[in-house]
Protein backbone atom coordinates (compact mmCIF):
# COMPACT_ATOMS: atom_id res chain seq x y z
CA MET A 1 0.00 0.00 0.00
CA GLN A 2 1.19 3.48 -0.76
CA LYS A 3 1.80 6.13 1.89
CA ILE A 4 -1.40 7.46 3.49
CA GLU A 5 -1.48 10.98 4.92
CA ILE A 6 -4.39 12.57 6.74
CA TYR A 7 -4.77 16.23 7.68
CA THR A 8 -6.98 16.65 10.75
CA ARG A 9 -8.18 19.21 13.27
CA PRO A 10 -9.38 18.80 16.87
CA GLY A 11 -13.10 18.21 17.41
CA CYS A 12 -13.62 16.84 13.90
CA GLY A 13 -15.91 13.81 14.02
CA TYR A 14 -15.15 12.85 10.43
CA CYS A 15 -11.43 12.97 11.23
CA THR A 16 -12.01 10.54 14.09
CA HIS A 17 -14.06 8.23 11.86
CA ALA A 18 -11.42 8.31 9.11
CA LYS A 19 -8.59 7.45 11.51
CA ARG A 20 -10.68 4.69 13.08
CA LEU A 21 -11.45 3.23 9.64
CA LEU A 22 -7.77 3.23 8.71
CA LEU A 23 -6.74 1.68 12.02
CA ASN A 24 -9.47 -0.96 11.83
CA ARG A 25 -8.21 -1.90 8.37
CA GLY A 26 -4.67 -2.20 9.74
CA LEU A 27 -3.37 0.63 7.59
CA THR A 28 -0.29 2.71 8.28
CA PHE A 29 -0.84 6.47 8.05
CA VAL A 30 0.71 9.77 9.01
CA GLU A 31 -1.52 12.33 10.71
CA TYR A 32 -0.94 16.06 10.44
CA ASP A 33 -2.96 17.91 13.09
CA VAL A 34 -3.13 21.45 11.67
CA TYR A 35 -3.79 22.96 15.12
CA LEU A 36 -0.70 21.39 16.67
CA GLN A 37 1.29 22.06 13.50
CA PRO A 38 -0.09 25.24 11.88
CA GLU A 39 2.66 25.16 9.23
CA LYS A 40 0.89 22.11 7.78
CA ILE A 41 -2.07 24.32 6.74
CA ASN A 42 0.02 25.98 4.03
CA GLN A 43 1.28 22.57 2.93
CA LEU A 44 -2.30 21.32 2.68
CA HIS A 45 -3.42 24.37 0.71
CA ALA A 46 -0.55 23.81 -1.74
CA ARG A 47 -1.70 20.22 -2.27
CA THR A 48 -5.47 20.73 -2.66
CA SER A 49 -8.06 23.48 -2.84
CA ALA A 50 -10.36 21.55 -0.49
CA ARG A 51 -10.82 23.22 2.88
CA ALA A 52 -12.89 20.69 4.86
CA TYR A 53 -11.37 18.16 7.24
CA PRO A 54 -10.12 15.53 7.08
CA GLN A 55 -8.16 15.66 3.86
CA ILE A 56 -6.67 12.33 2.90
CA PHE A 57 -3.88 11.57 0.46
CA ILE A 58 -2.93 8.12 -0.78
CA GLY A 59 0.34 7.97 -2.67
CA ASN A 60 0.48 11.79 -2.84
CA ILE A 61 -2.94 11.88 -4.57
CA SER A 62 -5.83 13.64 -2.86
CA ILE A 63 -8.76 11.30 -2.44
CA GLY A 64 -10.85 13.80 -0.47
CA GLY A 65 -12.39 13.33 2.95
CA PHE A 66 -14.06 10.64 5.01
CA SER A 67 -16.84 9.89 2.50
CA GLU A 68 -14.32 9.23 -0.25
CA LEU A 69 -12.20 7.10 2.10
CA LEU A 70 -15.29 5.07 2.98
CA THR A 71 -16.02 4.57 -0.74
CA HIS A 72 -12.47 3.30 -1.23
CA ALA A 73 -12.98 0.85 1.64
CA GLN A 74 -16.31 -0.35 0.28
CA HIS A 75 -14.70 -1.07 -3.08
CA GLY A 76 -11.91 -3.11 -1.49
CA LEU A 77 -9.18 -0.55 -2.15
CA LEU A 78 -7.94 -0.34 1.45
CA THR A 79 -6.17 -3.57 2.34
CA LYS A 80 -3.06 -3.89 4.47
CA LYS A 81 -2.48 -5.95 7.57
CA SER A 82 0.12 -4.06 9.59
CA VAL A 83 -0.71 -1.01 11.73
CA ASN A 84 1.80 1.78 12.32
CA TYR A 85 0.05 4.96 13.48
CA SER A 86 2.20 8.07 13.78
CA ARG A 87 1.69 11.80 14.13
CA LYS A 88 4.27 13.96 12.36
């Protein structure tokens, strides 16, 4: 599986659901909390024009938010067995 990155903010229910879905699937991902790391906001804006949270990238390609992640999961596109959660 390619690198998964997720931009989140505190109090975001969809962010929580997205992370839970990834963890339950055993997927490794890197979380960027834009409140703890405000410099990541500019990085996010350079990568996509979307402004809602979460914003999820798989292999450096923006897939969108939680709804799009869920669609990927429903179509069998999220499959990896090892979990390695980290916050950068």
